[in-house]
Amino acid sequence: MIDKITTLKNMLVQAPHDCFLWHALGLEHIKRGELIDAITSFKQVLAADKNYVGTYYHLAKTYALTEQINLAIETYEQGIQIAQQLNDKHALQELRMALEDME
């Protein structure tokens, strides 16, 4: 049986700029404890679309799990700016709460 990561990677061969697939891949890496691979996947999302606001939360959280606290804070702050620009109140609240928890 093919696992989810292999499936997502196969799908990315056909759609290498699909932010949803990259984001999903990052989440699968987190489930496996593959945090560096998760960071790489989330960074791929934001390189393709800086407005993919949900990824900021997961990237920052993963940075925190790898004890890259300054990068985590910076990523939360970037996400907050994007959420404000997009008027995404839900994402804005989540990102602000997560940042407050870090401090």
N, C-alpha and C. Protein backbone atom coordinates (compact mmCIF):
# COMPACT_ATOMS: atom_id res chain seq x y z
N MET A 1 0.84 -1.19 0.00
CA MET A 1 0.00 0.00 0.00
C MET A 1 0.88 1.25 0.00
N ILE A 2 0.55 2.19 -0.84
CA ILE A 2 1.32 3.43 -0.96
C ILE A 2 0.87 4.39 0.15
N ASP A 3 1.85 4.99 0.82
CA ASP A 3 1.51 5.90 1.91
C ASP A 3 1.16 7.29 1.38
N LYS A 4 0.66 8.13 2.27
CA LYS A 4 0.19 9.46 1.87
C LYS A 4 1.31 10.33 1.32
N ILE A 5 2.48 10.24 1.93
CA ILE A 5 3.59 11.07 1.47
C ILE A 5 3.98 10.70 0.04
N THR A 6 4.05 9.42 -0.24
CA THR A 6 4.37 8.98 -1.60
C THR A 6 3.29 9.44 -2.58
N THR A 7 2.05 9.32 -2.18
CA THR A 7 0.94 9.75 -3.03
C THR A 7 1.03 11.24 -3.33
N LEU A 8 1.27 12.04 -2.29
CA LEU A 8 1.37 13.49 -2.48
C LEU A 8 2.56 13.84 -3.37
N LYS A 9 3.69 13.19 -3.16
CA LYS A 9 4.86 13.46 -4.00
C LYS A 9 4.59 13.10 -5.46
N ASN A 10 3.88 12.00 -5.68
CA ASN A 10 3.51 11.61 -7.05
C ASN A 10 2.59 12.65 -7.68
N MET A 11 1.66 13.17 -6.90
CA MET A 11 0.75 14.19 -7.40
C MET A 11 1.51 15.49 -7.71
N LEU A 12 2.52 15.78 -6.90
CA LEU A 12 3.31 17.00 -7.12
C LEU A 12 4.14 16.93 -8.40
N VAL A 13 4.44 15.73 -8.85
CA VAL A 13 5.14 15.60 -10.13
C VAL A 13 4.26 16.18 -11.25
N GLN A 14 2.97 15.94 -11.14
CA GLN A 14 2.02 16.44 -12.15
C GLN A 14 1.65 17.91 -11.93
N ALA A 15 1.70 18.35 -10.67
CA ALA A 15 1.30 19.72 -10.34
C ALA A 15 2.31 20.32 -9.35
N PRO A 16 3.52 20.63 -9.81
CA PRO A 16 4.59 21.03 -8.89
C PRO A 16 4.38 22.36 -8.17
N HIS A 17 3.41 23.14 -8.60
CA HIS A 17 3.17 24.44 -7.95
C HIS A 17 1.85 24.46 -7.17
N ASP A 18 1.31 23.29 -6.89
CA ASP A 18 0.03 23.20 -6.19
C ASP A 18 0.24 23.40 -4.69
N CYS A 19 -0.15 24.56 -4.20
CA CYS A 19 0.06 24.91 -2.80
C CYS A 19 -0.68 23.97 -1.85
N PHE A 20 -1.87 23.54 -2.22
CA PHE A 20 -2.62 22.62 -1.37
C PHE A 20 -1.84 21.32 -1.17
N LEU A 21 -1.27 20.79 -2.24
CA LEU A 21 -0.51 19.55 -2.14
C LEU A 21 0.74 19.73 -1.28
N TRP A 22 1.46 20.83 -1.47
CA TRP A 22 2.65 21.10 -0.66
C TRP A 22 2.28 21.24 0.81
N HIS A 23 1.18 21.94 1.08
CA HIS A 23 0.73 22.13 2.46
C HIS A 23 0.37 20.78 3.08
N ALA A 24 -0.37 19.98 2.34
CA ALA A 24 -0.75 18.65 2.83
C ALA A 24 0.49 17.79 3.08
N LEU A 25 1.47 17.90 2.22
CA LEU A 25 2.71 17.15 2.40
C LEU A 25 3.40 17.57 3.70
N GLY A 26 3.43 18.87 3.96
CA GLY A 26 4.01 19.36 5.20
C GLY A 26 3.31 18.80 6.42
N LEU A 27 1.99 18.76 6.38
CA LEU A 27 1.23 18.20 7.50
C LEU A 27 1.51 16.72 7.70
N GLU A 28 1.65 16.00 6.62
CA GLU A 28 1.99 14.57 6.73
C GLU A 28 3.38 14.37 7.32
N HIS A 29 4.31 15.22 6.94
CA HIS A 29 5.66 15.13 7.51
C HIS A 29 5.62 15.38 9.02
N ILE A 30 4.79 16.34 9.45
CA ILE A 30 4.67 16.60 10.89
C ILE A 30 4.16 15.36 11.61
N LYS A 31 3.15 14.72 11.04
CA LYS A 31 2.59 13.50 11.66
C LYS A 31 3.66 12.44 11.88
N ARG A 32 4.64 12.40 11.00
CA ARG A 32 5.72 11.41 11.10
C ARG A 32 6.91 11.91 11.92
N GLY A 33 6.83 13.14 12.36
CA GLY A 33 7.95 13.70 13.11
C GLY A 33 9.10 14.16 12.23
N GLU A 34 8.84 14.29 10.94
CA GLU A 34 9.86 14.72 9.97
C GLU A 34 9.77 16.24 9.83
N LEU A 35 10.24 16.92 10.86
CA LEU A 35 10.01 18.35 10.97
C LEU A 35 10.79 19.17 9.95
N ILE A 36 12.00 18.78 9.63
CA ILE A 36 12.78 19.52 8.62
C ILE A 36 12.10 19.40 7.26
N ASP A 37 11.61 18.21 6.93
CA ASP A 37 10.88 18.03 5.66
C ASP A 37 9.59 18.84 5.66
N ALA A 38 8.94 18.93 6.81
CA ALA A 38 7.72 19.74 6.91
C ALA A 38 8.04 21.20 6.64
N ILE A 39 9.10 21.70 7.25
CA ILE A 39 9.51 23.09 7.02
C ILE A 39 9.77 23.33 5.54
N THR A 40 10.47 22.42 4.90
CA THR A 40 10.76 22.55 3.47
C THR A 40 9.47 22.62 2.66
N SER A 41 8.51 21.78 2.98
CA SER A 41 7.24 21.77 2.26
C SER A 41 6.47 23.08 2.46
N PHE A 42 6.41 23.54 3.71
CA PHE A 42 5.69 24.78 4.00
C PHE A 42 6.37 25.99 3.33
N LYS A 43 7.69 26.00 3.30
CA LYS A 43 8.40 27.08 2.63
C LYS A 43 8.11 27.07 1.13
N GLN A 44 7.92 25.89 0.57
CA GLN A 44 7.58 25.76 -0.85
C GLN A 44 6.22 26.41 -1.12
N VAL A 45 5.28 26.22 -0.20
CA VAL A 45 3.96 26.85 -0.35
C VAL A 45 4.11 28.36 -0.42
N LEU A 46 4.81 28.92 0.56
CA LEU A 46 4.90 30.37 0.64
C LEU A 46 5.75 30.97 -0.47
N ALA A 47 6.67 30.19 -1.01
CA ALA A 47 7.43 30.66 -2.17
C ALA A 47 6.51 30.79 -3.39
N ALA A 48 5.54 29.90 -3.48
CA ALA A 48 4.60 29.92 -4.61
C ALA A 48 3.47 30.92 -4.41
N ASP A 49 3.04 31.09 -3.14
CA ASP A 49 1.90 31.97 -2.85
C ASP A 49 2.02 32.51 -1.43
N LYS A 50 2.53 33.73 -1.30
CA LYS A 50 2.72 34.31 0.03
C LYS A 50 1.39 34.57 0.75
N ASN A 51 0.28 34.51 0.03
CA ASN A 51 -1.03 34.74 0.63
C ASN A 51 -1.71 33.45 1.11
N TYR A 52 -1.01 32.33 1.04
CA TYR A 52 -1.57 31.07 1.53
C TYR A 52 -1.45 31.09 3.05
N VAL A 53 -2.35 31.83 3.66
CA VAL A 53 -2.21 32.28 5.04
C VAL A 53 -2.14 31.15 6.07
N GLY A 54 -2.83 30.05 5.86
CA GLY A 54 -2.82 28.96 6.82
C GLY A 54 -1.45 28.33 7.01
N THR A 55 -0.61 28.46 6.01
CA THR A 55 0.71 27.86 6.09
C THR A 55 1.61 28.58 7.09
N TYR A 56 1.40 29.86 7.29
CA TYR A 56 2.23 30.60 8.25
C TYR A 56 2.12 29.98 9.64
N TYR A 57 0.92 29.64 10.03
CA TYR A 57 0.70 29.04 11.35
C TYR A 57 1.49 27.74 11.49
N HIS A 58 1.35 26.87 10.52
CA HIS A 58 2.00 25.56 10.60
C HIS A 58 3.52 25.66 10.48
N LEU A 59 3.99 26.56 9.63
CA LEU A 59 5.43 26.74 9.50
C LEU A 59 6.00 27.29 10.81
N ALA A 60 5.37 28.29 11.37
CA ALA A 60 5.85 28.87 12.63
C ALA A 60 5.83 27.83 13.75
N LYS A 61 4.76 27.08 13.82
CA LYS A 61 4.66 26.04 14.85
C LYS A 61 5.78 25.01 14.70
N THR A 62 6.08 24.65 13.47
CA THR A 62 7.13 23.68 13.21
C THR A 62 8.50 24.27 13.55
N TYR A 63 8.71 25.54 13.23
CA TYR A 63 9.94 26.19 13.65
C TYR A 63 10.09 26.12 15.18
N ALA A 64 9.00 26.37 15.88
CA ALA A 64 9.04 26.32 17.34
C ALA A 64 9.39 24.91 17.83
N LEU A 65 8.83 23.90 17.20
CA LEU A 65 9.13 22.52 17.58
C LEU A 65 10.59 22.16 17.36
N THR A 66 11.23 22.84 16.41
CA THR A 66 12.65 22.59 16.15
C THR A 66 13.53 23.61 16.87
N GLU A 67 12.93 24.32 17.81
CA GLU A 67 13.62 25.29 18.67
C GLU A 67 14.23 26.46 17.89
N GLN A 68 13.62 26.78 16.76
CA GLN A 68 14.02 27.96 15.98
C GLN A 68 13.03 29.08 16.32
N ILE A 69 13.13 29.54 17.55
CA ILE A 69 12.14 30.45 18.11
C ILE A 69 12.06 31.77 17.36
N ASN A 70 13.21 32.34 17.01
CA ASN A 70 13.18 33.62 16.28
C ASN A 70 12.48 33.49 14.94
N LEU A 71 12.74 32.37 14.24
CA LEU A 71 12.05 32.14 12.97
C LEU A 71 10.55 31.92 13.18
N ALA A 72 10.20 31.26 14.26
CA ALA A 72 8.79 31.04 14.57
C ALA A 72 8.08 32.38 14.78
N ILE A 73 8.67 33.23 15.60
CA ILE A 73 8.07 34.54 15.87
C ILE A 73 7.96 35.36 14.59
N GLU A 74 9.03 35.38 13.81
CA GLU A 74 9.05 36.12 12.55
C GLU A 74 7.96 35.62 11.60
N THR A 75 7.78 34.30 11.55
CA THR A 75 6.78 33.71 10.66
C THR A 75 5.37 34.03 11.13
N TYR A 76 5.12 33.96 12.44
CA TYR A 76 3.81 34.38 12.95
C TYR A 76 3.54 35.83 12.58
N GLU A 77 4.53 36.69 12.75
CA GLU A 77 4.35 38.11 12.44
C GLU A 77 4.06 38.33 10.96
N GLN A 78 4.76 37.60 10.10
CA GLN A 78 4.49 37.70 8.66
C GLN A 78 3.06 37.24 8.36
N GLY A 79 2.66 36.14 8.97
CA GLY A 79 1.30 35.64 8.77
C GLY A 79 0.25 36.63 9.22
N ILE A 80 0.52 37.29 10.34
CA ILE A 80 -0.42 38.30 10.85
C ILE A 80 -0.57 39.43 9.83
N GLN A 81 0.54 39.87 9.25
CA GLN A 81 0.47 40.93 8.24
C GLN A 81 -0.36 40.49 7.03
N ILE A 82 -0.13 39.28 6.57
CA ILE A 82 -0.87 38.77 5.41
C ILE A 82 -2.36 38.63 5.75
N ALA A 83 -2.66 38.10 6.93
CA ALA A 83 -4.06 37.93 7.34
C ALA A 83 -4.76 39.29 7.41
N GLN A 84 -4.05 40.31 7.90
CA GLN A 84 -4.64 41.65 7.94
C GLN A 84 -4.91 42.17 6.53
N GLN A 85 -3.95 41.96 5.63
CA GLN A 85 -4.12 42.42 4.25
C GLN A 85 -5.29 41.72 3.57
N LEU A 86 -5.47 40.44 3.89
CA LEU A 86 -6.55 39.65 3.28
C LEU A 86 -7.87 39.80 4.02
N ASN A 87 -7.83 40.50 5.14
CA ASN A 87 -9.00 40.64 6.02
C ASN A 87 -9.55 39.27 6.45
N ASP A 88 -8.62 38.36 6.73
CA ASP A 88 -8.97 37.01 7.19
C ASP A 88 -8.94 37.02 8.71
N LYS A 89 -10.09 37.31 9.29
CA LYS A 89 -10.17 37.49 10.74
C LYS A 89 -9.89 36.20 11.52
N HIS A 90 -10.32 35.09 10.99
CA HIS A 90 -10.09 33.80 11.66
C HIS A 90 -8.59 33.49 11.73
N ALA A 91 -7.92 33.59 10.60
CA ALA A 91 -6.48 33.34 10.57
C ALA A 91 -5.74 34.35 11.44
N LEU A 92 -6.16 35.59 11.38
CA LEU A 92 -5.54 36.64 12.18
C LEU A 92 -5.61 36.32 13.67
N GLN A 93 -6.77 35.90 14.11
CA GLN A 93 -6.94 35.55 15.52
C GLN A 93 -6.07 34.35 15.91
N GLU A 94 -6.05 33.32 15.08
CA GLU A 94 -5.23 32.14 15.37
C GLU A 94 -3.75 32.49 15.45
N LEU A 95 -3.29 33.28 14.50
CA LEU A 95 -1.88 33.65 14.47
C LEU A 95 -1.51 34.53 15.66
N ARG A 96 -2.37 35.46 16.01
CA ARG A 96 -2.09 36.32 17.17
C ARG A 96 -2.05 35.51 18.46
N MET A 97 -2.99 34.61 18.63
CA MET A 97 -3.01 33.76 19.83
C MET A 97 -1.76 32.89 19.91
N ALA A 98 -1.36 32.33 18.79
CA ALA A 98 -0.17 31.48 18.77
C ALA A 98 1.09 32.29 19.10
N LEU A 99 1.16 33.50 18.57
CA LEU A 99 2.29 34.38 18.86
C LEU A 99 2.32 34.75 20.33
N GLU A 100 1.18 35.07 20.90
CA GLU A 100 1.09 35.40 22.33
C GLU A 100 1.55 34.22 23.18
N ASP A 101 1.20 33.00 22.77
CA ASP A 101 1.62 31.81 23.50
C ASP A 101 3.14 31.64 23.48
N MET A 102 3.77 32.13 22.43
CA MET A 102 5.23 32.02 22.31
C MET A 102 5.94 32.98 23.26
N GLU A 103 5.30 34.11 23.51
CA GLU A 103 5.98 35.17 24.28
C GLU A 103 5.85 35.00 25.76
